[in-house]
Amino acid sequence: SVGGFASFVMTHLAKTGLLDRVRFRPMTLPDRFIDHNTQAAQYHEAGLDAVAITNTALEALGVGISMTQPLLKTANGPKS
């Protein structure tokens, strides 16, 4: 969630200019309860699955495409 250790690190990096030339997009767990489920389903609900991470990276890079499913199936990925 927002406000943890990563926020302190990000603030330090920003204040020291280390993020000036970086396209940085923080991805954190939402500040709400996520129901018990498989890991893949919980990551998907939190917006932290492979598709969401890929789309965030592509958006940060200015690439005009969007993914709807992972390119590769992983051992822990969603099952279709």
PDB file of N, CA and C in Angstrom:
ATOM      1  N   SER A   1       0.836  -1.184   0.000  1.00  0.00           N
ATOM      2  CA  SER A   1       0.000   0.000   0.000  1.00  0.00           C
ATOM      3  C   SER A   1       0.876   1.240   0.000  1.00  0.00           C
ATOM      4  N   VAL A   2       0.290   2.350  -0.304  1.00  0.00           N
ATOM      5  CA  VAL A   2       1.007   3.617  -0.369  1.00  0.00           C
ATOM      6  C   VAL A   2       1.450   4.012   1.033  1.00  0.00           C
ATOM      7  N   GLY A   3       2.631   4.602   1.138  1.00  0.00           N
ATOM      8  CA  GLY A   3       3.088   5.112   2.422  1.00  0.00           C
ATOM      9  C   GLY A   3       4.066   4.211   3.138  1.00  0.00           C
ATOM     10  N   GLY A   4       4.469   3.129   2.538  1.00  0.00           N
ATOM     11  CA  GLY A   4       5.400   2.205   3.165  1.00  0.00           C
ATOM     12  C   GLY A   4       6.844   2.562   2.869  1.00  0.00           C
ATOM     13  N   PHE A   5       7.715   1.585   3.066  1.00  0.00           N
ATOM     14  CA  PHE A   5       9.149   1.780   2.864  1.00  0.00           C
ATOM     15  C   PHE A   5       9.455   2.258   1.449  1.00  0.00           C
ATOM     16  N   ALA A   6       8.764   1.699   0.461  1.00  0.00           N
ATOM     17  CA  ALA A   6       9.009   2.089  -0.933  1.00  0.00           C
ATOM     18  C   ALA A   6       8.745   3.572  -1.154  1.00  0.00           C
ATOM     19  N   SER A   7       7.777   4.133  -0.445  1.00  0.00           N
ATOM     20  CA  SER A   7       7.491   5.565  -0.572  1.00  0.00           C
ATOM     21  C   SER A   7       8.660   6.402  -0.074  1.00  0.00           C
ATOM     22  N   PHE A   8       9.282   5.960   1.009  1.00  0.00           N
ATOM     23  CA  PHE A   8      10.450   6.675   1.523  1.00  0.00           C
ATOM     24  C   PHE A   8      11.609   6.600   0.534  1.00  0.00           C
ATOM     25  N   VAL A   9      11.819   5.422  -0.051  1.00  0.00           N
ATOM     26  CA  VAL A   9      12.882   5.263  -1.042  1.00  0.00           C
ATOM     27  C   VAL A   9      12.595   6.134  -2.255  1.00  0.00           C
ATOM     28  N   MET A  10      11.354   6.114  -2.756  1.00  0.00           N
ATOM     29  CA  MET A  10      10.979   6.915  -3.917  1.00  0.00           C
ATOM     30  C   MET A  10      11.170   8.406  -3.634  1.00  0.00           C
ATOM     31  N   THR A  11      10.775   8.857  -2.451  1.00  0.00           N
ATOM     32  CA  THR A  11      10.944  10.262  -2.083  1.00  0.00           C
ATOM     33  C   THR A  11      12.418  10.635  -2.069  1.00  0.00           C
ATOM     34  N   HIS A  12      13.253   9.786  -1.497  1.00  0.00           N
ATOM     35  CA  HIS A  12      14.696  10.051  -1.466  1.00  0.00           C
ATOM     36  C   HIS A  12      15.255  10.126  -2.889  1.00  0.00           C
ATOM     37  N   LEU A  13      14.887   9.168  -3.732  1.00  0.00           N
ATOM     38  CA  LEU A  13      15.375   9.168  -5.113  1.00  0.00           C
ATOM     39  C   LEU A  13      14.925  10.418  -5.861  1.00  0.00           C
ATOM     40  N   ALA A  14      13.689  10.835  -5.648  1.00  0.00           N
ATOM     41  CA  ALA A  14      13.173  12.034  -6.319  1.00  0.00           C
ATOM     42  C   ALA A  14      13.883  13.290  -5.827  1.00  0.00           C
ATOM     43  N   LYS A  15      14.071  13.411  -4.510  1.00  0.00           N
ATOM     44  CA  LYS A  15      14.703  14.611  -3.945  1.00  0.00           C
ATOM     45  C   LYS A  15      16.170  14.730  -4.332  1.00  0.00           C
ATOM     46  N   THR A  16      16.822  13.611  -4.589  1.00  0.00           N
ATOM     47  CA  THR A  16      18.237  13.651  -4.966  1.00  0.00           C
ATOM     48  C   THR A  16      18.426  13.671  -6.482  1.00  0.00           C
ATOM     49  N   GLY A  17      17.328  13.743  -7.234  1.00  0.00           N
ATOM     50  CA  GLY A  17      17.418  13.860  -8.684  1.00  0.00           C
ATOM     51  C   GLY A  17      17.636  12.554  -9.419  1.00  0.00           C
ATOM     52  N   LEU A  18      17.594  11.451  -8.709  1.00  0.00           N
ATOM     53  CA  LEU A  18      17.859  10.171  -9.356  1.00  0.00           C
ATOM     54  C   LEU A  18      16.693   9.667 -10.202  1.00  0.00           C
ATOM     55  N   LEU A  19      15.548  10.324 -10.114  1.00  0.00           N
ATOM     56  CA  LEU A  19      14.405   9.938 -10.947  1.00  0.00           C
ATOM     57  C   LEU A  19      14.167  10.924 -12.092  1.00  0.00           C
ATOM     58  N   ASP A  20      15.038  11.915 -12.225  1.00  0.00           N
ATOM     59  CA  ASP A  20      14.815  12.966 -13.217  1.00  0.00           C
ATOM     60  C   ASP A  20      14.685  12.439 -14.644  1.00  0.00           C
ATOM     61  N   ARG A  21      15.435  11.433 -14.996  1.00  0.00           N
ATOM     62  CA  ARG A  21      15.401  10.919 -16.368  1.00  0.00           C
ATOM     63  C   ARG A  21      14.760   9.534 -16.446  1.00  0.00           C
ATOM     64  N   VAL A  22      14.014   9.173 -15.417  1.00  0.00           N
ATOM     65  CA  VAL A  22      13.417   7.844 -15.342  1.00  0.00           C
ATOM     66  C   VAL A  22      11.905   7.952 -15.488  1.00  0.00           C
ATOM     67  N   ARG A  23      11.333   7.047 -16.229  1.00  0.00           N
ATOM     68  CA  ARG A  23       9.870   6.964 -16.325  1.00  0.00           C
ATOM     69  C   ARG A  23       9.409   5.992 -15.241  1.00  0.00           C
ATOM     70  N   PHE A  24       9.104   6.534 -14.108  1.00  0.00           N
ATOM     71  CA  PHE A  24       8.798   5.735 -12.921  1.00  0.00           C
ATOM     72  C   PHE A  24       7.300   5.700 -12.680  1.00  0.00           C
ATOM     73  N   ARG A  25       6.747   4.515 -12.544  1.00  0.00           N
ATOM     74  CA  ARG A  25       5.331   4.344 -12.237  1.00  0.00           C
ATOM     75  C   ARG A  25       5.218   3.394 -11.056  1.00  0.00           C
ATOM     76  N   PRO A  26       4.910   3.907  -9.869  1.00  0.00           N
ATOM     77  CA  PRO A  26       4.784   3.003  -8.718  1.00  0.00           C
ATOM     78  C   PRO A  26       3.547   2.122  -8.852  1.00  0.00           C
ATOM     79  N   MET A  27       3.696   0.892  -8.462  1.00  0.00           N
ATOM     80  CA  MET A  27       2.570  -0.051  -8.452  1.00  0.00           C
ATOM     81  C   MET A  27       2.501  -0.632  -7.046  1.00  0.00           C
ATOM     82  N   THR A  28       1.390  -0.414  -6.381  1.00  0.00           N
ATOM     83  CA  THR A  28       1.254  -0.855  -4.999  1.00  0.00           C
ATOM     84  C   THR A  28      -0.052  -1.620  -4.812  1.00  0.00           C
ATOM     85  N   LEU A  29      -0.125  -2.317  -3.709  1.00  0.00           N
ATOM     86  CA  LEU A  29      -1.389  -2.963  -3.357  1.00  0.00           C
ATOM     87  C   LEU A  29      -2.409  -1.893  -3.015  1.00  0.00           C
ATOM     88  N   PRO A  30      -3.650  -2.067  -3.400  1.00  0.00           N
ATOM     89  CA  PRO A  30      -4.672  -1.073  -3.064  1.00  0.00           C
ATOM     90  C   PRO A  30      -4.969  -1.079  -1.565  1.00  0.00           C
ATOM     91  N   ASP A  31      -5.436   0.047  -1.054  1.00  0.00           N
ATOM     92  CA  ASP A  31      -5.809   0.159   0.357  1.00  0.00           C
ATOM     93  C   ASP A  31      -7.243  -0.311   0.557  1.00  0.00           C
ATOM     94  N   ARG A  32      -7.461  -1.566   0.298  1.00  0.00           N
ATOM     95  CA  ARG A  32      -8.772  -2.181   0.501  1.00  0.00           C
ATOM     96  C   ARG A  32      -8.556  -3.679   0.664  1.00  0.00           C
ATOM     97  N   PHE A  33      -9.541  -4.331   1.222  1.00  0.00           N
ATOM     98  CA  PHE A  33      -9.457  -5.769   1.445  1.00  0.00           C
ATOM     99  C   PHE A  33      -9.594  -6.508   0.122  1.00  0.00           C
ATOM    100  N   ILE A  34      -8.747  -7.491  -0.080  1.00  0.00           N
ATOM    101  CA  ILE A  34      -8.837  -8.358  -1.251  1.00  0.00           C
ATOM    102  C   ILE A  34      -9.250  -9.736  -0.748  1.00  0.00           C
ATOM    103  N   ASP A  35     -10.347 -10.240  -1.280  1.00  0.00           N
ATOM    104  CA  ASP A  35     -10.869 -11.537  -0.849  1.00  0.00           C
ATOM    105  C   ASP A  35      -9.845 -12.651  -1.046  1.00  0.00           C
ATOM    106  N   HIS A  36      -9.928 -13.662  -0.185  1.00  0.00           N
ATOM    107  CA  HIS A  36      -9.076 -14.839  -0.326  1.00  0.00           C
ATOM    108  C   HIS A  36      -9.412 -15.523  -1.641  1.00  0.00           C
ATOM    109  N   ASN A  37      -8.365 -15.938  -2.335  1.00  0.00           N
ATOM    110  CA  ASN A  37      -8.517 -16.590  -3.627  1.00  0.00           C
ATOM    111  C   ASN A  37      -7.157 -17.151  -4.000  1.00  0.00           C
ATOM    112  N   THR A  38      -6.995 -17.608  -5.221  1.00  0.00           N
ATOM    113  CA  THR A  38      -5.677 -18.037  -5.673  1.00  0.00           C
ATOM    114  C   THR A  38      -4.771 -16.817  -5.765  1.00  0.00           C
ATOM    115  N   GLN A  39      -3.452 -17.050  -5.742  1.00  0.00           N
ATOM    116  CA  GLN A  39      -2.525 -15.929  -5.876  1.00  0.00           C
ATOM    117  C   GLN A  39      -2.765 -15.176  -7.172  1.00  0.00           C
ATOM    118  N   ALA A  40      -2.958 -15.912  -8.257  1.00  0.00           N
ATOM    119  CA  ALA A  40      -3.170 -15.279  -9.561  1.00  0.00           C
ATOM    120  C   ALA A  40      -4.398 -14.380  -9.540  1.00  0.00           C
ATOM    121  N   ALA A  41      -5.485 -14.852  -8.937  1.00  0.00           N
ATOM    122  CA  ALA A  41      -6.715 -14.057  -8.876  1.00  0.00           C
ATOM    123  C   ALA A  41      -6.538 -12.827  -7.997  1.00  0.00           C
ATOM    124  N   GLN A  42      -5.800 -12.966  -6.891  1.00  0.00           N
ATOM    125  CA  GLN A  42      -5.568 -11.819  -6.012  1.00  0.00           C
ATOM    126  C   GLN A  42      -4.688 -10.774  -6.695  1.00  0.00           C
ATOM    127  N   TYR A  43      -3.635 -11.212  -7.380  1.00  0.00           N
ATOM    128  CA  TYR A  43      -2.798 -10.261  -8.117  1.00  0.00           C
ATOM    129  C   TYR A  43      -3.607  -9.550  -9.198  1.00  0.00           C
ATOM    130  N   HIS A  44      -4.460 -10.299  -9.888  1.00  0.00           N
ATOM    131  CA  HIS A  44      -5.298  -9.701 -10.928  1.00  0.00           C
ATOM    132  C   HIS A  44      -6.224  -8.643 -10.326  1.00  0.00           C
ATOM    133  N   GLU A  45      -6.892  -8.982  -9.226  1.00  0.00           N
ATOM    134  CA  GLU A  45      -7.807  -8.032  -8.585  1.00  0.00           C
ATOM    135  C   GLU A  45      -7.072  -6.785  -8.096  1.00  0.00           C
ATOM    136  N   ALA A  46      -5.831  -6.950  -7.656  1.00  0.00           N
ATOM    137  CA  ALA A  46      -5.043  -5.821  -7.156  1.00  0.00           C
ATOM    138  C   ALA A  46      -4.423  -5.004  -8.288  1.00  0.00           C
ATOM    139  N   GLY A  47      -4.512  -5.503  -9.523  1.00  0.00           N
ATOM    140  CA  GLY A  47      -3.890  -4.802 -10.645  1.00  0.00           C
ATOM    141  C   GLY A  47      -2.387  -4.993 -10.676  1.00  0.00           C
ATOM    142  N   LEU A  48      -1.923  -6.126 -10.152  1.00  0.00           N
ATOM    143  CA  LEU A  48      -0.490  -6.403 -10.100  1.00  0.00           C
ATOM    144  C   LEU A  48      -0.134  -7.709 -10.801  1.00  0.00           C
ATOM    145  N   ASP A  49      -0.963  -8.134 -11.750  1.00  0.00           N
ATOM    146  CA  ASP A  49      -0.645  -9.336 -12.512  1.00  0.00           C
ATOM    147  C   ASP A  49       0.223  -8.959 -13.713  1.00  0.00           C
ATOM    148  N   ALA A  50       0.646  -9.963 -14.470  1.00  0.00           N
ATOM    149  CA  ALA A  50       1.554  -9.732 -15.593  1.00  0.00           C
ATOM    150  C   ALA A  50       0.985  -8.754 -16.610  1.00  0.00           C
ATOM    151  N   VAL A  51      -0.300  -8.860 -16.900  1.00  0.00           N
ATOM    152  CA  VAL A  51      -0.929  -7.962 -17.877  1.00  0.00           C
ATOM    153  C   VAL A  51      -0.898  -6.522 -17.378  1.00  0.00           C
ATOM    154  N   ALA A  52      -1.253  -6.295 -16.120  1.00  0.00           N
ATOM    155  CA  ALA A  52      -1.270  -4.933 -15.571  1.00  0.00           C
ATOM    156  C   ALA A  52       0.132  -4.339 -15.519  1.00  0.00           C
ATOM    157  N   ILE A  53       1.117  -5.146 -15.127  1.00  0.00           N
ATOM    158  CA  ILE A  53       2.502  -4.658 -15.074  1.00  0.00           C
ATOM    159  C   ILE A  53       2.987  -4.313 -16.475  1.00  0.00           C
ATOM    160  N   THR A  54       2.694  -5.186 -17.444  1.00  0.00           N
ATOM    161  CA  THR A  54       3.091  -4.927 -18.830  1.00  0.00           C
ATOM    162  C   THR A  54       2.436  -3.659 -19.358  1.00  0.00           C
ATOM    163  N   ASN A  55       1.142  -3.497 -19.121  1.00  0.00           N
ATOM    164  CA  ASN A  55       0.439  -2.302 -19.599  1.00  0.00           C
ATOM    165  C   ASN A  55       0.975  -1.035 -18.950  1.00  0.00           C
ATOM    166  N   THR A  56       1.316  -1.092 -17.664  1.00  0.00           N
ATOM    167  CA  THR A  56       1.889   0.072 -16.989  1.00  0.00           C
ATOM    168  C   THR A  56       3.233   0.432 -17.611  1.00  0.00           C
ATOM    169  N   ALA A  57       4.059  -0.574 -17.884  1.00  0.00           N
ATOM    170  CA  ALA A  57       5.362  -0.325 -18.506  1.00  0.00           C
ATOM    171  C   ALA A  57       5.203   0.231 -19.919  1.00  0.00           C
ATOM    172  N   LEU A  58       4.300  -0.350 -20.707  1.00  0.00           N
ATOM    173  CA  LEU A  58       4.080   0.135 -22.074  1.00  0.00           C
ATOM    174  C   LEU A  58       3.560   1.569 -22.074  1.00  0.00           C
ATOM    175  N   GLU A  59       2.655   1.870 -21.152  1.00  0.00           N
ATOM    176  CA  GLU A  59       2.122   3.231 -21.044  1.00  0.00           C
ATOM    177  C   GLU A  59       3.231   4.213 -20.663  1.00  0.00           C
ATOM    178  N   ALA A  60       4.086   3.829 -19.734  1.00  0.00           N
ATOM    179  CA  ALA A  60       5.187   4.697 -19.313  1.00  0.00           C
ATOM    180  C   ALA A  60       6.156   4.954 -20.459  1.00  0.00           C
ATOM    181  N   LEU A  61       6.319   3.961 -21.326  1.00  0.00           N
ATOM    182  CA  LEU A  61       7.218   4.104 -22.471  1.00  0.00           C
ATOM    183  C   LEU A  61       6.562   4.802 -23.650  1.00  0.00           C
ATOM    184  N   GLY A  62       5.265   5.076 -23.543  1.00  0.00           N
ATOM    185  CA  GLY A  62       4.564   5.761 -24.618  1.00  0.00           C
ATOM    186  C   GLY A  62       4.195   4.857 -25.773  1.00  0.00           C
ATOM    187  N   VAL A  63       4.181   3.557 -25.536  1.00  0.00           N
ATOM    188  CA  VAL A  63       3.811   2.599 -26.575  1.00  0.00           C
ATOM    189  C   VAL A  63       2.292   2.558 -26.647  1.00  0.00           C
ATOM    190  N   GLY A  64       1.757   2.674 -27.833  1.00  0.00           N
ATOM    191  CA  GLY A  64       0.311   2.788 -27.996  1.00  0.00           C
ATOM    192  C   GLY A  64      -0.427   1.474 -28.118  1.00  0.00           C
ATOM    193  N   ILE A  65       0.041   0.442 -27.434  1.00  0.00           N
ATOM    194  CA  ILE A  65      -0.694  -0.821 -27.451  1.00  0.00           C
ATOM    195  C   ILE A  65      -1.026  -1.217 -26.024  1.00  0.00           C
ATOM    196  N   SER A  66      -1.939  -2.144 -25.902  1.00  0.00           N
ATOM    197  CA  SER A  66      -2.357  -2.610 -24.585  1.00  0.00           C
ATOM    198  C   SER A  66      -2.529  -4.115 -24.638  1.00  0.00           C
ATOM    199  N   MET A  67      -2.120  -4.784 -23.580  1.00  0.00           N
ATOM    200  CA  MET A  67      -2.235  -6.236 -23.504  1.00  0.00           C
ATOM    201  C   MET A  67      -3.537  -6.602 -22.796  1.00  0.00           C
ATOM    202  N   THR A  68      -4.126  -7.711 -23.203  1.00  0.00           N
ATOM    203  CA  THR A  68      -5.306  -8.209 -22.498  1.00  0.00           C
ATOM    204  C   THR A  68      -5.039  -9.559 -21.851  1.00  0.00           C
ATOM    205  N   GLN A  69      -3.932 -10.207 -22.257  1.00  0.00           N
ATOM    206  CA  GLN A  69      -3.540 -11.468 -21.642  1.00  0.00           C
ATOM    207  C   GLN A  69      -2.025 -11.589 -21.725  1.00  0.00           C
ATOM    208  N   PRO A  70      -1.410 -12.381 -20.852  1.00  0.00           N
ATOM    209  CA  PRO A  70       0.049 -12.519 -20.881  1.00  0.00           C
ATOM    210  C   PRO A  70       0.521 -13.146 -22.187  1.00  0.00           C
ATOM    211  N   LEU A  71       1.725 -12.769 -22.612  1.00  0.00           N
ATOM    212  CA  LEU A  71       2.293 -13.371 -23.813  1.00  0.00           C
ATOM    213  C   LEU A  71       2.663 -14.826 -23.570  1.00  0.00           C
ATOM    214  N   LEU A  72       3.167 -15.112 -22.376  1.00  0.00           N
ATOM    215  CA  LEU A  72       3.573 -16.466 -22.019  1.00  0.00           C
ATOM    216  C   LEU A  72       2.779 -16.930 -20.813  1.00  0.00           C
ATOM    217  N   LYS A  73       2.412 -18.170 -20.795  1.00  0.00           N
ATOM    218  CA  LYS A  73       1.758 -18.717 -19.604  1.00  0.00           C
ATOM    219  C   LYS A  73       2.841 -19.084 -18.603  1.00  0.00           C
ATOM    220  N   THR A  74       2.640 -18.701 -17.360  1.00  0.00           N
ATOM    221  CA  THR A  74       3.591 -19.025 -16.309  1.00  0.00           C
ATOM    222  C   THR A  74       2.979 -20.057 -15.377  1.00  0.00           C
ATOM    223  N   ALA A  75       3.817 -20.636 -14.548  1.00  0.00           N
ATOM    224  CA  ALA A  75       3.345 -21.664 -13.619  1.00  0.00           C
ATOM    225  C   ALA A  75       2.282 -21.122 -12.678  1.00  0.00           C
ATOM    226  N   ASN A  76       2.391 -19.836 -12.299  1.00  0.00           N
ATOM    227  CA  ASN A  76       1.449 -19.250 -11.349  1.00  0.00           C
ATOM    228  C   ASN A  76       0.439 -18.326 -12.006  1.00  0.00           C
ATOM    229  N   GLY A  77       0.468 -18.247 -13.332  1.00  0.00           N
ATOM    230  CA  GLY A  77      -0.409 -17.314 -14.028  1.00  0.00           C
ATOM    231  C   GLY A  77      -1.855 -17.767 -14.055  1.00  0.00           C
ATOM    232  N   PRO A  78      -2.716 -16.872 -14.545  1.00  0.00           N
ATOM    233  CA  PRO A  78      -4.141 -17.206 -14.598  1.00  0.00           C
ATOM    234  C   PRO A  78      -4.412 -18.356 -15.553  1.00  0.00           C
ATOM    235  N   LYS A  79      -5.384 -19.142 -15.218  1.00  0.00           N
ATOM    236  CA  LYS A  79      -5.764 -20.267 -16.074  1.00  0.00           C
ATOM    237  C   LYS A  79      -6.981 -19.879 -16.892  1.00  0.00           C
ATOM    238  N   SER A  80      -6.941 -20.236 -18.194  1.00  0.00           N
ATOM    239  CA  SER A  80      -8.083 -19.901 -19.031  1.00  0.00           C
ATOM    240  C   SER A  80      -8.912 -21.099 -19.371  1.00  0.00           C
TER     241      SER A  80
END
